[in-house]
Amino acid sequence: IALSLIAVVALHNLAGYLFGYWSARGFGMVEADARTVAIEVGLQNAGMASGLAISVLHSSDAGLAAAIFGPWMNISGSVLASWWRKRPIEAPDGAGAGGVR
């Protein structure tokens, strides 16, 4: 089950990044804001999830996904932030980096 759980955690994380980014763009946010929303949605609170699994569900098995997600989100978030840093945002019509004039 370990490989399946790792795959599901990675897909859940990727879905958060994609949903956050494209939802923000769909609502008309500028690129810098959409990137911020993507990071915020993609990085969930794994500590809270593991705490809830133990205290509410009384199951250490339920906390496995959160235990895997914690380190994974730190790695994937760092990779995404580094990738975006190498691709600066082009300011539209003299606007600043965030698109604000």
C-alpha atoms as a PDB file:
ATOM      1  CA  ILE A   1       0.000   0.000   0.000  1.00  0.00           C
ATOM      2  CA  ALA A   2       2.999   2.316   0.457  1.00  0.00           C
ATOM      3  CA  LEU A   3       3.477   3.071  -3.249  1.00  0.00           C
ATOM      4  CA  SER A   4      -0.247   3.645  -3.740  1.00  0.00           C
ATOM      5  CA  LEU A   5      -0.353   6.015  -0.776  1.00  0.00           C
ATOM      6  CA  ILE A   6       2.669   7.955  -2.031  1.00  0.00           C
ATOM      7  CA  ALA A   7       1.096   8.239  -5.489  1.00  0.00           C
ATOM      8  CA  VAL A   8      -2.219   9.473  -4.069  1.00  0.00           C
ATOM      9  CA  VAL A   9      -0.434  12.013  -1.859  1.00  0.00           C
ATOM     10  CA  ALA A  10       1.549  13.336  -4.846  1.00  0.00           C
ATOM     11  CA  LEU A  11      -1.589  13.558  -7.014  1.00  0.00           C
ATOM     12  CA  HIS A  12      -3.512  15.331  -4.238  1.00  0.00           C
ATOM     13  CA  ASN A  13      -0.687  17.844  -3.893  1.00  0.00           C
ATOM     14  CA  LEU A  14      -0.454  18.395  -7.664  1.00  0.00           C
ATOM     15  CA  ALA A  15      -4.226  18.839  -7.859  1.00  0.00           C
ATOM     16  CA  GLY A  16      -4.012  21.522  -5.171  1.00  0.00           C
ATOM     17  CA  TYR A  17      -1.348  23.433  -7.092  1.00  0.00           C
ATOM     18  CA  LEU A  18      -3.259  23.196 -10.368  1.00  0.00           C
ATOM     19  CA  PHE A  19      -6.670  23.988  -8.871  1.00  0.00           C
ATOM     20  CA  GLY A  20      -5.302  26.948  -6.944  1.00  0.00           C
ATOM     21  CA  TYR A  21      -3.447  28.412  -9.911  1.00  0.00           C
ATOM     22  CA  TRP A  22      -6.129  27.974 -12.535  1.00  0.00           C
ATOM     23  CA  SER A  23      -8.961  29.035 -10.225  1.00  0.00           C
ATOM     24  CA  ALA A  24      -7.093  32.246  -9.452  1.00  0.00           C
ATOM     25  CA  ARG A  25      -6.444  32.878 -13.137  1.00  0.00           C
ATOM     26  CA  GLY A  26     -10.094  32.111 -13.897  1.00  0.00           C
ATOM     27  CA  PHE A  27     -11.140  34.792 -11.415  1.00  0.00           C
ATOM     28  CA  GLY A  28      -8.918  37.279 -13.236  1.00  0.00           C
ATOM     29  CA  MET A  29      -6.003  37.432 -10.818  1.00  0.00           C
ATOM     30  CA  VAL A  30      -2.618  38.467 -12.149  1.00  0.00           C
ATOM     31  CA  GLU A  31       0.172  35.908 -12.495  1.00  0.00           C
ATOM     32  CA  ALA A  32       1.918  36.743  -9.204  1.00  0.00           C
ATOM     33  CA  ASP A  33      -1.311  36.380  -7.239  1.00  0.00           C
ATOM     34  CA  ALA A  34      -2.217  33.141  -9.023  1.00  0.00           C
ATOM     35  CA  ARG A  35       1.174  31.681  -8.127  1.00  0.00           C
ATOM     36  CA  THR A  36       0.640  32.642  -4.503  1.00  0.00           C
ATOM     37  CA  VAL A  37      -2.799  31.035  -4.417  1.00  0.00           C
ATOM     38  CA  ALA A  38      -1.376  27.874  -5.993  1.00  0.00           C
ATOM     39  CA  ILE A  39       1.237  27.576  -3.246  1.00  0.00           C
ATOM     40  CA  GLU A  40      -1.339  28.275  -0.520  1.00  0.00           C
ATOM     41  CA  VAL A  41      -3.783  25.680  -1.847  1.00  0.00           C
ATOM     42  CA  GLY A  42      -1.121  23.080  -2.627  1.00  0.00           C
ATOM     43  CA  LEU A  43       0.522  23.237   0.791  1.00  0.00           C
ATOM     44  CA  GLN A  44      -1.976  21.843   3.253  1.00  0.00           C
ATOM     45  CA  ASN A  45      -1.611  21.423   7.008  1.00  0.00           C
ATOM     46  CA  ALA A  46      -0.278  17.881   7.391  1.00  0.00           C
ATOM     47  CA  GLY A  47       0.361  18.395  11.107  1.00  0.00           C
ATOM     48  CA  MET A  48      -3.281  19.155  11.758  1.00  0.00           C
ATOM     49  CA  ALA A  49      -4.368  16.183   9.654  1.00  0.00           C
ATOM     50  CA  SER A  50      -2.191  13.760  11.610  1.00  0.00           C
ATOM     51  CA  GLY A  51      -3.398  15.250  14.891  1.00  0.00           C
ATOM     52  CA  LEU A  52      -7.021  14.811  13.850  1.00  0.00           C
ATOM     53  CA  ALA A  53      -6.358  11.245  12.736  1.00  0.00           C
ATOM     54  CA  ILE A  54      -5.027  10.349  16.169  1.00  0.00           C
ATOM     55  CA  SER A  55      -7.347  12.403  18.389  1.00  0.00           C
ATOM     56  CA  VAL A  56     -10.644  12.106  16.490  1.00  0.00           C
ATOM     57  CA  LEU A  57     -10.334   8.866  14.551  1.00  0.00           C
ATOM     58  CA  HIS A  58      -8.091   7.157  17.124  1.00  0.00           C
ATOM     59  CA  SER A  59      -6.213   5.549  14.274  1.00  0.00           C
ATOM     60  CA  SER A  60      -2.534   5.752  13.531  1.00  0.00           C
ATOM     61  CA  ASP A  61      -3.264   4.215  10.129  1.00  0.00           C
ATOM     62  CA  ALA A  62      -5.377   7.250   9.236  1.00  0.00           C
ATOM     63  CA  GLY A  63      -2.373   9.461   9.983  1.00  0.00           C
ATOM     64  CA  LEU A  64      -0.142   7.710   7.430  1.00  0.00           C
ATOM     65  CA  ALA A  65      -1.219   9.929   4.546  1.00  0.00           C
ATOM     66  CA  ALA A  66      -0.521  13.054   6.595  1.00  0.00           C
ATOM     67  CA  ALA A  67       2.858  11.680   7.664  1.00  0.00           C
ATOM     68  CA  ILE A  68       3.808  11.184   4.025  1.00  0.00           C
ATOM     69  CA  PHE A  69       2.238  14.450   2.877  1.00  0.00           C
ATOM     70  CA  GLY A  70       4.245  16.607   5.301  1.00  0.00           C
ATOM     71  CA  PRO A  71       7.694  15.961   3.846  1.00  0.00           C
ATOM     72  CA  TRP A  72       6.322  15.651   0.302  1.00  0.00           C
ATOM     73  CA  MET A  73       4.649  19.079   0.356  1.00  0.00           C
ATOM     74  CA  ASN A  74       7.859  20.686   1.630  1.00  0.00           C
ATOM     75  CA  ILE A  75       9.829  19.176  -1.230  1.00  0.00           C
ATOM     76  CA  SER A  76       7.251  19.837  -3.955  1.00  0.00           C
ATOM     77  CA  GLY A  77       6.569  23.383  -2.737  1.00  0.00           C
ATOM     78  CA  SER A  78      10.279  24.188  -2.783  1.00  0.00           C
ATOM     79  CA  VAL A  79      10.650  22.733  -6.271  1.00  0.00           C
ATOM     80  CA  LEU A  80       7.662  24.732  -7.570  1.00  0.00           C
ATOM     81  CA  ALA A  81       8.861  27.969  -5.968  1.00  0.00           C
ATOM     82  CA  SER A  82      12.356  27.472  -7.424  1.00  0.00           C
ATOM     83  CA  TRP A  83      10.936  26.696 -10.859  1.00  0.00           C
ATOM     84  CA  TRP A  84       8.780  29.835 -10.811  1.00  0.00           C
ATOM     85  CA  ARG A  85      11.692  31.930  -9.559  1.00  0.00           C
ATOM     86  CA  LYS A  86      13.603  31.016 -12.717  1.00  0.00           C
ATOM     87  CA  ARG A  87      10.607  32.209 -14.758  1.00  0.00           C
ATOM     88  CA  PRO A  88      10.018  35.827 -13.750  1.00  0.00           C
ATOM     89  CA  ILE A  89       6.664  37.421 -14.349  1.00  0.00           C
ATOM     90  CA  GLU A  90       6.520  39.847 -17.241  1.00  0.00           C
ATOM     91  CA  ALA A  91       4.914  43.074 -16.096  1.00  0.00           C
ATOM     92  CA  PRO A  92       1.991  44.110 -18.341  1.00  0.00           C
ATOM     93  CA  ASP A  93       2.143  47.712 -19.613  1.00  0.00           C
ATOM     94  CA  GLY A  94       4.641  49.037 -17.090  1.00  0.00           C
ATOM     95  CA  ALA A  95       2.979  47.435 -14.078  1.00  0.00           C
ATOM     96  CA  GLY A  96       5.058  46.104 -11.205  1.00  0.00           C
ATOM     97  CA  ALA A  97       5.885  42.431 -10.619  1.00  0.00           C
ATOM     98  CA  GLY A  98       2.463  41.832  -9.070  1.00  0.00           C
ATOM     99  CA  GLY A  99       0.643  43.596 -11.871  1.00  0.00           C
ATOM    100  CA  VAL A 100      -0.248  46.618  -9.725  1.00  0.00           C
ATOM    101  CA  ARG A 101       0.214  50.044 -11.291  1.00  0.00           C
END
